[in-house]
Amino acid sequence: MAKGKVFISGKVSGMDYQEACRKFYDASATLMRFGFTPVVPVELCRSHWSWRRCMAVCLWHLLWCSGFCQLDNWEDSRGARIEYRVAKLLGKKFIYL
């Protein structure tokens, strides 16, 4: 039985895109093993979209998640820091891997 959706937050901009994807997919696989449904930003956004468009899409999806999970590089990302503040304000359950 699924334990709910968990939004994964981490750095994408300024990183090698393949490395960023690997970090998100590794976290996604771990969350799935524990029965969560991961919401993966690199699957929600397209590489040619603007940062603002990606943030709008990600924040909308975050609204519908019960949990929030941060990659180890989240503090290096302006977007992930915004997602963190929104998750805290909304009272999301933080999942630590």
PDB file of N, CA and C in Angstrom:
ATOM      1  N   MET A   1       0.838  -1.178   0.000  1.00  0.00           N
ATOM      2  CA  MET A   1       0.000   0.000   0.000  1.00  0.00           C
ATOM      3  C   MET A   1       0.885   1.243   0.000  1.00  0.00           C
ATOM      4  N   ALA A   2       0.559   2.205  -0.861  1.00  0.00           N
ATOM      5  CA  ALA A   2       1.346   3.428  -0.984  1.00  0.00           C
ATOM      6  C   ALA A   2       1.181   4.294   0.264  1.00  0.00           C
ATOM      7  N   LYS A   3       2.269   4.928   0.660  1.00  0.00           N
ATOM      8  CA  LYS A   3       2.267   5.791   1.841  1.00  0.00           C
ATOM      9  C   LYS A   3       2.044   7.254   1.487  1.00  0.00           C
ATOM     10  N   GLY A   4       1.856   7.570   0.235  1.00  0.00           N
ATOM     11  CA  GLY A   4       1.620   8.944  -0.178  1.00  0.00           C
ATOM     12  C   GLY A   4       2.703   9.458  -1.099  1.00  0.00           C
ATOM     13  N   LYS A   5       2.416  10.596  -1.699  1.00  0.00           N
ATOM     14  CA  LYS A   5       3.360  11.219  -2.620  1.00  0.00           C
ATOM     15  C   LYS A   5       4.411  12.011  -1.849  1.00  0.00           C
ATOM     16  N   VAL A   6       5.644  11.900  -2.309  1.00  0.00           N
ATOM     17  CA  VAL A   6       6.753  12.639  -1.702  1.00  0.00           C
ATOM     18  C   VAL A   6       7.471  13.415  -2.793  1.00  0.00           C
ATOM     19  N   PHE A   7       7.552  14.731  -2.615  1.00  0.00           N
ATOM     20  CA  PHE A   7       8.247  15.597  -3.555  1.00  0.00           C
ATOM     21  C   PHE A   7       9.747  15.555  -3.246  1.00  0.00           C
ATOM     22  N   ILE A   8      10.562  15.333  -4.271  1.00  0.00           N
ATOM     23  CA  ILE A   8      12.019  15.310  -4.108  1.00  0.00           C
ATOM     24  C   ILE A   8      12.565  16.668  -4.528  1.00  0.00           C
ATOM     25  N   SER A   9      13.350  17.277  -3.657  1.00  0.00           N
ATOM     26  CA  SER A   9      13.890  18.610  -3.901  1.00  0.00           C
ATOM     27  C   SER A   9      15.420  18.554  -3.927  1.00  0.00           C
ATOM     28  N   GLY A  10      16.000  19.207  -4.921  1.00  0.00           N
ATOM     29  CA  GLY A  10      17.454  19.247  -5.012  1.00  0.00           C
ATOM     30  C   GLY A  10      17.911  20.156  -6.135  1.00  0.00           C
ATOM     31  N   LYS A  11      19.188  20.273  -6.271  1.00  0.00           N
ATOM     32  CA  LYS A  11      19.781  21.165  -7.270  1.00  0.00           C
ATOM     33  C   LYS A  11      19.734  20.542  -8.664  1.00  0.00           C
ATOM     34  N   VAL A  12      19.367  21.352  -9.654  1.00  0.00           N
ATOM     35  CA  VAL A  12      19.422  20.959 -11.058  1.00  0.00           C
ATOM     36  C   VAL A  12      20.223  22.005 -11.833  1.00  0.00           C
ATOM     37  N   SER A  13      19.829  23.280 -11.699  1.00  0.00           N
ATOM     38  CA  SER A  13      20.515  24.359 -12.418  1.00  0.00           C
ATOM     39  C   SER A  13      21.980  24.437 -11.995  1.00  0.00           C
ATOM     40  N   GLY A  14      22.848  24.552 -12.990  1.00  0.00           N
ATOM     41  CA  GLY A  14      24.271  24.680 -12.705  1.00  0.00           C
ATOM     42  C   GLY A  14      24.991  23.359 -12.510  1.00  0.00           C
ATOM     43  N   MET A  15      24.258  22.260 -12.608  1.00  0.00           N
ATOM     44  CA  MET A  15      24.858  20.918 -12.482  1.00  0.00           C
ATOM     45  C   MET A  15      24.857  20.244 -13.840  1.00  0.00           C
ATOM     46  N   ASP A  16      25.707  19.255 -13.987  1.00  0.00           N
ATOM     47  CA  ASP A  16      25.611  18.372 -15.140  1.00  0.00           C
ATOM     48  C   ASP A  16      24.225  17.723 -15.073  1.00  0.00           C
ATOM     49  N   TYR A  17      23.443  17.838 -16.140  1.00  0.00           N
ATOM     50  CA  TYR A  17      22.057  17.382 -16.103  1.00  0.00           C
ATOM     51  C   TYR A  17      21.954  15.886 -15.821  1.00  0.00           C
ATOM     52  N   GLN A  18      22.833  15.091 -16.399  1.00  0.00           N
ATOM     53  CA  GLN A  18      22.786  13.640 -16.174  1.00  0.00           C
ATOM     54  C   GLN A  18      23.077  13.308 -14.707  1.00  0.00           C
ATOM     55  N   GLU A  19      24.014  14.024 -14.105  1.00  0.00           N
ATOM     56  CA  GLU A  19      24.327  13.814 -12.683  1.00  0.00           C
ATOM     57  C   GLU A  19      23.133  14.214 -11.815  1.00  0.00           C
ATOM     58  N   ALA A  20      22.498  15.333 -12.152  1.00  0.00           N
ATOM     59  CA  ALA A  20      21.316  15.756 -11.396  1.00  0.00           C
ATOM     60  C   ALA A  20      20.216  14.690 -11.494  1.00  0.00           C
ATOM     61  N   CYS A  21      19.974  14.205 -12.699  1.00  0.00           N
ATOM     62  CA  CYS A  21      18.957  13.159 -12.888  1.00  0.00           C
ATOM     63  C   CYS A  21      19.280  11.916 -12.076  1.00  0.00           C
ATOM     64  N   ARG A  22      20.538  11.509 -12.071  1.00  0.00           N
ATOM     65  CA  ARG A  22      20.935  10.321 -11.311  1.00  0.00           C
ATOM     66  C   ARG A  22      20.601  10.489  -9.836  1.00  0.00           C
ATOM     67  N   LYS A  23      20.879  11.653  -9.267  1.00  0.00           N
ATOM     68  CA  LYS A  23      20.584  11.888  -7.855  1.00  0.00           C
ATOM     69  C   LYS A  23      19.069  11.784  -7.589  1.00  0.00           C
ATOM     70  N   PHE A  24      18.274  12.402  -8.460  1.00  0.00           N
ATOM     71  CA  PHE A  24      16.823  12.340  -8.277  1.00  0.00           C
ATOM     72  C   PHE A  24      16.304  10.913  -8.426  1.00  0.00           C
ATOM     73  N   TYR A  25      16.799  10.180  -9.423  1.00  0.00           N
ATOM     74  CA  TYR A  25      16.312   8.813  -9.646  1.00  0.00           C
ATOM     75  C   TYR A  25      16.772   7.848  -8.554  1.00  0.00           C
ATOM     76  N   ASP A  26      17.952   8.064  -8.005  1.00  0.00           N
ATOM     77  CA  ASP A  26      18.390   7.237  -6.868  1.00  0.00           C
ATOM     78  C   ASP A  26      17.462   7.438  -5.674  1.00  0.00           C
ATOM     79  N   ALA A  27      17.140   8.703  -5.383  1.00  0.00           N
ATOM     80  CA  ALA A  27      16.223   8.991  -4.274  1.00  0.00           C
ATOM     81  C   ALA A  27      14.837   8.426  -4.563  1.00  0.00           C
ATOM     82  N   SER A  28      14.400   8.536  -5.807  1.00  0.00           N
ATOM     83  CA  SER A  28      13.099   8.006  -6.207  1.00  0.00           C
ATOM     84  C   SER A  28      13.018   6.502  -5.961  1.00  0.00           C
ATOM     85  N   ALA A  29      14.055   5.787  -6.350  1.00  0.00           N
ATOM     86  CA  ALA A  29      14.075   4.329  -6.168  1.00  0.00           C
ATOM     87  C   ALA A  29      14.012   3.968  -4.681  1.00  0.00           C
ATOM     88  N   THR A  30      14.734   4.709  -3.861  1.00  0.00           N
ATOM     89  CA  THR A  30      14.718   4.441  -2.418  1.00  0.00           C
ATOM     90  C   THR A  30      13.331   4.704  -1.842  1.00  0.00           C
ATOM     91  N   LEU A  31      12.734   5.813  -2.217  1.00  0.00           N
ATOM     92  CA  LEU A  31      11.383   6.119  -1.721  1.00  0.00           C
ATOM     93  C   LEU A  31      10.382   5.044  -2.140  1.00  0.00           C
ATOM     94  N   MET A  32      10.486   4.570  -3.379  1.00  0.00           N
ATOM     95  CA  MET A  32       9.570   3.517  -3.838  1.00  0.00           C
ATOM     96  C   MET A  32       9.757   2.237  -3.029  1.00  0.00           C
ATOM     97  N   ARG A  33      10.993   1.905  -2.679  1.00  0.00           N
ATOM     98  CA  ARG A  33      11.231   0.705  -1.869  1.00  0.00           C
ATOM     99  C   ARG A  33      10.539   0.806  -0.510  1.00  0.00           C
ATOM    100  N   PHE A  34      10.372   2.026  -0.003  1.00  0.00           N
ATOM    101  CA  PHE A  34       9.706   2.232   1.281  1.00  0.00           C
ATOM    102  C   PHE A  34       8.204   2.466   1.141  1.00  0.00           C
ATOM    103  N   GLY A  35       7.669   2.324  -0.076  1.00  0.00           N
ATOM    104  CA  GLY A  35       6.227   2.404  -0.280  1.00  0.00           C
ATOM    105  C   GLY A  35       5.688   3.787  -0.614  1.00  0.00           C
ATOM    106  N   PHE A  36       6.572   4.752  -0.860  1.00  0.00           N
ATOM    107  CA  PHE A  36       6.133   6.098  -1.224  1.00  0.00           C
ATOM    108  C   PHE A  36       6.019   6.227  -2.740  1.00  0.00           C
ATOM    109  N   THR A  37       5.250   7.202  -3.180  1.00  0.00           N
ATOM    110  CA  THR A  37       5.160   7.551  -4.596  1.00  0.00           C
ATOM    111  C   THR A  37       5.974   8.827  -4.800  1.00  0.00           C
ATOM    112  N   PRO A  38       7.143   8.728  -5.424  1.00  0.00           N
ATOM    113  CA  PRO A  38       7.981   9.915  -5.589  1.00  0.00           C
ATOM    114  C   PRO A  38       7.478  10.835  -6.689  1.00  0.00           C
ATOM    115  N   VAL A  39       7.642  12.124  -6.464  1.00  0.00           N
ATOM    116  CA  VAL A  39       7.371  13.149  -7.474  1.00  0.00           C
ATOM    117  C   VAL A  39       8.732  13.753  -7.814  1.00  0.00           C
ATOM    118  N   VAL A  40       9.156  13.538  -9.050  1.00  0.00           N
ATOM    119  CA  VAL A  40      10.527  13.834  -9.475  1.00  0.00           C
ATOM    120  C   VAL A  40      10.550  15.053 -10.402  1.00  0.00           C
ATOM    121  N   PRO A  41      11.102  16.177  -9.951  1.00  0.00           N
ATOM    122  CA  PRO A  41      11.100  17.391 -10.773  1.00  0.00           C
ATOM    123  C   PRO A  41      11.710  17.234 -12.168  1.00  0.00           C
ATOM    124  N   VAL A  42      12.737  16.417 -12.324  1.00  0.00           N
ATOM    125  CA  VAL A  42      13.337  16.273 -13.660  1.00  0.00           C
ATOM    126  C   VAL A  42      12.401  15.529 -14.617  1.00  0.00           C
ATOM    127  N   GLU A  43      11.354  14.922 -14.095  1.00  0.00           N
ATOM    128  CA  GLU A  43      10.328  14.319 -14.945  1.00  0.00           C
ATOM    129  C   GLU A  43       9.193  15.297 -15.234  1.00  0.00           C
ATOM    130  N   LEU A  44       9.051  16.320 -14.404  1.00  0.00           N
ATOM    131  CA  LEU A  44       7.963  17.282 -14.552  1.00  0.00           C
ATOM    132  C   LEU A  44       8.295  18.395 -15.541  1.00  0.00           C
ATOM    133  N   CYS A  45       9.574  18.745 -15.640  1.00  0.00           N
ATOM    134  CA  CYS A  45      10.010  19.902 -16.418  1.00  0.00           C
ATOM    135  C   CYS A  45      10.844  19.472 -17.621  1.00  0.00           C
ATOM    136  N   ARG A  46      10.856  20.307 -18.614  1.00  0.00           N
ATOM    137  CA  ARG A  46      11.671  20.076 -19.818  1.00  0.00           C
ATOM    138  C   ARG A  46      12.900  20.963 -19.760  1.00  0.00           C
ATOM    139  N   SER A  47      13.990  20.494 -20.322  1.00  0.00           N
ATOM    140  CA  SER A  47      15.265  21.212 -20.220  1.00  0.00           C
ATOM    141  C   SER A  47      15.225  22.593 -20.881  1.00  0.00           C
ATOM    142  N   HIS A  48      14.340  22.811 -21.848  1.00  0.00           N
ATOM    143  CA  HIS A  48      14.277  24.109 -22.531  1.00  0.00           C
ATOM    144  C   HIS A  48      13.352  25.106 -21.819  1.00  0.00           C
ATOM    145  N   TRP A  49      12.668  24.689 -20.757  1.00  0.00           N
ATOM    146  CA  TRP A  49      11.785  25.591 -20.032  1.00  0.00           C
ATOM    147  C   TRP A  49      12.591  26.581 -19.200  1.00  0.00           C
ATOM    148  N   SER A  50      12.005  27.718 -18.923  1.00  0.00           N
ATOM    149  CA  SER A  50      12.649  28.713 -18.061  1.00  0.00           C
ATOM    150  C   SER A  50      12.631  28.226 -16.611  1.00  0.00           C
ATOM    151  N   TRP A  51      13.507  28.810 -15.819  1.00  0.00           N
ATOM    152  CA  TRP A  51      13.559  28.484 -14.391  1.00  0.00           C
ATOM    153  C   TRP A  51      12.206  28.790 -13.741  1.00  0.00           C
ATOM    154  N   ARG A  52      11.611  29.928 -14.072  1.00  0.00           N
ATOM    155  CA  ARG A  52      10.314  30.310 -13.488  1.00  0.00           C
ATOM    156  C   ARG A  52       9.218  29.303 -13.827  1.00  0.00           C
ATOM    157  N   ARG A  53       9.191  28.864 -15.070  1.00  0.00           N
ATOM    158  CA  ARG A  53       8.176  27.884 -15.466  1.00  0.00           C
ATOM    159  C   ARG A  53       8.359  26.586 -14.688  1.00  0.00           C
ATOM    160  N   CYS A  54       9.601  26.134 -14.567  1.00  0.00           N
ATOM    161  CA  CYS A  54       9.869  24.906 -13.802  1.00  0.00           C
ATOM    162  C   CYS A  54       9.470  25.072 -12.338  1.00  0.00           C
ATOM    163  N   MET A  55       9.768  26.222 -11.759  1.00  0.00           N
ATOM    164  CA  MET A  55       9.399  26.447 -10.361  1.00  0.00           C
ATOM    165  C   MET A  55       7.877  26.441 -10.196  1.00  0.00           C
ATOM    166  N   ALA A  56       7.170  27.067 -11.120  1.00  0.00           N
ATOM    167  CA  ALA A  56       5.704  27.084 -11.035  1.00  0.00           C
ATOM    168  C   ALA A  56       5.145  25.666 -11.080  1.00  0.00           C
ATOM    169  N   VAL A  57       5.662  24.856 -11.990  1.00  0.00           N
ATOM    170  CA  VAL A  57       5.206  23.468 -12.118  1.00  0.00           C
ATOM    171  C   VAL A  57       5.555  22.678 -10.855  1.00  0.00           C
ATOM    172  N   CYS A  58       6.784  22.835 -10.376  1.00  0.00           N
ATOM    173  CA  CYS A  58       7.216  22.086  -9.191  1.00  0.00           C
ATOM    174  C   CYS A  58       6.424  22.484  -7.952  1.00  0.00           C
ATOM    175  N   LEU A  59       6.212  23.770  -7.754  1.00  0.00           N
ATOM    176  CA  LEU A  59       5.463  24.208  -6.575  1.00  0.00           C
ATOM    177  C   LEU A  59       4.013  23.739  -6.636  1.00  0.00           C
ATOM    178  N   TRP A  60       3.429  23.716  -7.818  1.00  0.00           N
ATOM    179  CA  TRP A  60       2.067  23.196  -7.956  1.00  0.00           C
ATOM    180  C   TRP A  60       2.024  21.725  -7.540  1.00  0.00           C
ATOM    181  N   HIS A  61       2.987  20.943  -8.005  1.00  0.00           N
ATOM    182  CA  HIS A  61       3.017  19.521  -7.648  1.00  0.00           C
ATOM    183  C   HIS A  61       3.310  19.330  -6.163  1.00  0.00           C
ATOM    184  N   LEU A  62       4.149  20.173  -5.604  1.00  0.00           N
ATOM    185  CA  LEU A  62       4.447  20.090  -4.173  1.00  0.00           C
ATOM    186  C   LEU A  62       3.177  20.253  -3.338  1.00  0.00           C
ATOM    187  N   LEU A  63       2.270  21.097  -3.782  1.00  0.00           N
ATOM    188  CA  LEU A  63       1.016  21.307  -3.050  1.00  0.00           C
ATOM    189  C   LEU A  63       0.262  20.007  -2.815  1.00  0.00           C
ATOM    190  N   TRP A  64       0.362  19.067  -3.743  1.00  0.00           N
ATOM    191  CA  TRP A  64      -0.422  17.835  -3.699  1.00  0.00           C
ATOM    192  C   TRP A  64       0.319  16.667  -3.067  1.00  0.00           C
ATOM    193  N   CYS A  65       1.509  16.905  -2.572  1.00  0.00           N
ATOM    194  CA  CYS A  65       2.286  15.853  -1.916  1.00  0.00           C
ATOM    195  C   CYS A  65       2.115  15.926  -0.407  1.00  0.00           C
ATOM    196  N   SER A  66       2.142  14.773   0.222  1.00  0.00           N
ATOM    197  CA  SER A  66       2.069  14.755   1.689  1.00  0.00           C
ATOM    198  C   SER A  66       3.462  14.821   2.308  1.00  0.00           C
ATOM    199  N   GLY A  67       4.474  14.438   1.534  1.00  0.00           N
ATOM    200  CA  GLY A  67       5.832  14.415   2.061  1.00  0.00           C
ATOM    201  C   GLY A  67       6.814  15.202   1.221  1.00  0.00           C
ATOM    202  N   PHE A  68       7.985  15.427   1.791  1.00  0.00           N
ATOM    203  CA  PHE A  68       9.027  16.240   1.163  1.00  0.00           C
ATOM    204  C   PHE A  68      10.374  15.600   1.485  1.00  0.00           C
ATOM    205  N   CYS A  69      11.195  15.418   0.466  1.00  0.00           N
ATOM    206  CA  CYS A  69      12.503  14.790   0.628  1.00  0.00           C
ATOM    207  C   CYS A  69      13.545  15.674  -0.056  1.00  0.00           C
ATOM    208  N   GLN A  70      14.673  15.894   0.619  1.00  0.00           N
ATOM    209  CA  GLN A  70      15.708  16.765   0.074  1.00  0.00           C
ATOM    210  C   GLN A  70      16.961  15.978  -0.272  1.00  0.00           C
ATOM    211  N   LEU A  71      17.508  16.281  -1.440  1.00  0.00           N
ATOM    212  CA  LEU A  71      18.800  15.722  -1.817  1.00  0.00           C
ATOM    213  C   LEU A  71      19.889  16.461  -1.051  1.00  0.00           C
ATOM    214  N   ASP A  72      21.064  15.865  -0.976  1.00  0.00           N
ATOM    215  CA  ASP A  72      22.134  16.452  -0.171  1.00  0.00           C
ATOM    216  C   ASP A  72      22.615  17.810  -0.679  1.00  0.00           C
ATOM    217  N   ASN A  73      22.300  18.166  -1.900  1.00  0.00           N
ATOM    218  CA  ASN A  73      22.773  19.430  -2.468  1.00  0.00           C
ATOM    219  C   ASN A  73      21.697  20.522  -2.470  1.00  0.00           C
ATOM    220  N   TRP A  74      20.619  20.333  -1.775  1.00  0.00           N
ATOM    221  CA  TRP A  74      19.480  21.249  -1.854  1.00  0.00           C
ATOM    222  C   TRP A  74      19.825  22.676  -1.448  1.00  0.00           C
ATOM    223  N   GLU A  75      20.728  22.844  -0.501  1.00  0.00           N
ATOM    224  CA  GLU A  75      21.052  24.193  -0.025  1.00  0.00           C
ATOM    225  C   GLU A  75      21.794  25.022  -1.071  1.00  0.00           C
ATOM    226  N   ASP A  76      22.360  24.372  -2.088  1.00  0.00           N
ATOM    227  CA  ASP A  76      23.072  25.066  -3.160  1.00  0.00           C
ATOM    228  C   ASP A  76      22.131  25.523  -4.275  1.00  0.00           C
ATOM    229  N   SER A  77      20.839  25.343  -4.096  1.00  0.00           N
ATOM    230  CA  SER A  77      19.863  25.640  -5.139  1.00  0.00           C
ATOM    231  C   SER A  77      18.835  26.653  -4.650  1.00  0.00           C
ATOM    232  N   ARG A  78      18.727  27.750  -5.349  1.00  0.00           N
ATOM    233  CA  ARG A  78      17.716  28.763  -5.002  1.00  0.00           C
ATOM    234  C   ARG A  78      16.319  28.156  -5.049  1.00  0.00           C
ATOM    235  N   GLY A  79      16.031  27.364  -6.088  1.00  0.00           N
ATOM    236  CA  GLY A  79      14.716  26.744  -6.212  1.00  0.00           C
ATOM    237  C   GLY A  79      14.420  25.763  -5.086  1.00  0.00           C
ATOM    238  N   ALA A  80      15.393  24.960  -4.722  1.00  0.00           N
ATOM    239  CA  ALA A  80      15.194  23.982  -3.644  1.00  0.00           C
ATOM    240  C   ALA A  80      15.011  24.690  -2.297  1.00  0.00           C
ATOM    241  N   ARG A  81      15.677  25.810  -2.108  1.00  0.00           N
ATOM    242  CA  ARG A  81      15.476  26.567  -0.865  1.00  0.00           C
ATOM    243  C   ARG A  81      14.055  27.140  -0.804  1.00  0.00           C
ATOM    244  N   ILE A  82      13.535  27.573  -1.943  1.00  0.00           N
ATOM    245  CA  ILE A  82      12.141  28.042  -2.002  1.00  0.00           C
ATOM    246  C   ILE A  82      11.189  26.880  -1.715  1.00  0.00           C
ATOM    247  N   GLU A  83      11.435  25.728  -2.345  1.00  0.00           N
ATOM    248  CA  GLU A  83      10.598  24.547  -2.116  1.00  0.00           C
ATOM    249  C   GLU A  83      10.608  24.156  -0.640  1.00  0.00           C
ATOM    250  N   TYR A  84      11.772  24.236   0.002  1.00  0.00           N
ATOM    251  CA  TYR A  84      11.896  23.922   1.430  1.00  0.00           C
ATOM    252  C   TYR A  84      10.991  24.837   2.256  1.00  0.00           C
ATOM    253  N   ARG A  85      11.050  26.140   1.979  1.00  0.00           N
ATOM    254  CA  ARG A  85      10.229  27.095   2.748  1.00  0.00           C
ATOM    255  C   ARG A  85       8.741  26.825   2.554  1.00  0.00           C
ATOM    256  N   VAL A  86       8.355  26.541   1.316  1.00  0.00           N
ATOM    257  CA  VAL A  86       6.941  26.248   1.039  1.00  0.00           C
ATOM    258  C   VAL A  86       6.519  24.963   1.754  1.00  0.00           C
ATOM    259  N   ALA A  87       7.351  23.935   1.696  1.00  0.00           N
ATOM    260  CA  ALA A  87       7.036  22.663   2.365  1.00  0.00           C
ATOM    261  C   ALA A  87       6.873  22.873   3.873  1.00  0.00           C
ATOM    262  N   LYS A  88       7.755  23.668   4.467  1.00  0.00           N
ATOM    263  CA  LYS A  88       7.647  23.956   5.901  1.00  0.00           C
ATOM    264  C   LYS A  88       6.348  24.700   6.206  1.00  0.00           C
ATOM    265  N   LEU A  89       6.054  25.723   5.413  1.00  0.00           N
ATOM    266  CA  LEU A  89       4.836  26.517   5.635  1.00  0.00           C
ATOM    267  C   LEU A  89       3.572  25.680   5.498  1.00  0.00           C
ATOM    268  N   LEU A  90       3.599  24.710   4.591  1.00  0.00           N
ATOM    269  CA  LEU A  90       2.435  23.860   4.363  1.00  0.00           C
ATOM    270  C   LEU A  90       2.370  22.669   5.315  1.00  0.00           C
ATOM    271  N   GLY A  91       3.377  22.494   6.153  1.00  0.00           N
ATOM    272  CA  GLY A  91       3.373  21.405   7.131  1.00  0.00           C
ATOM    273  C   GLY A  91       3.590  20.033   6.527  1.00  0.00           C
ATOM    274  N   LYS A  92       4.366  19.962   5.453  1.00  0.00           N
ATOM    275  CA  LYS A  92       4.642  18.661   4.810  1.00  0.00           C
ATOM    276  C   LYS A  92       5.494  17.803   5.753  1.00  0.00           C
ATOM    277  N   LYS A  93       5.305  16.502   5.653  1.00  0.00           N
ATOM    278  CA  LYS A  93       6.111  15.563   6.430  1.00  0.00           C
ATOM    279  C   LYS A  93       7.467  15.411   5.726  1.00  0.00           C
ATOM    280  N   PHE A  94       8.544  15.632   6.450  1.00  0.00           N
ATOM    281  CA  PHE A  94       9.879  15.517   5.871  1.00  0.00           C
ATOM    282  C   PHE A  94      10.355  14.072   5.968  1.00  0.00           C
ATOM    283  N   ILE A  95      10.806  13.549   4.836  1.00  0.00           N
ATOM    284  CA  ILE A  95      11.301  12.183   4.740  1.00  0.00           C
ATOM    285  C   ILE A  95      12.805  12.263   4.542  1.00  0.00           C
ATOM    286  N   TYR A  96      13.557  11.640   5.413  1.00  0.00           N
ATOM    287  CA  TYR A  96      15.023  11.684   5.348  1.00  0.00           C
ATOM    288  C   TYR A  96      15.556  10.333   4.875  1.00  0.00           C
ATOM    289  N   LEU A  97      16.394  10.372   3.849  1.00  0.00           N
ATOM    290  CA  LEU A  97      16.983   9.135   3.322  1.00  0.00           C
ATOM    291  C   LEU A  97      18.409   8.971   3.826  1.00  0.00           C
TER     292      LEU A  97
END
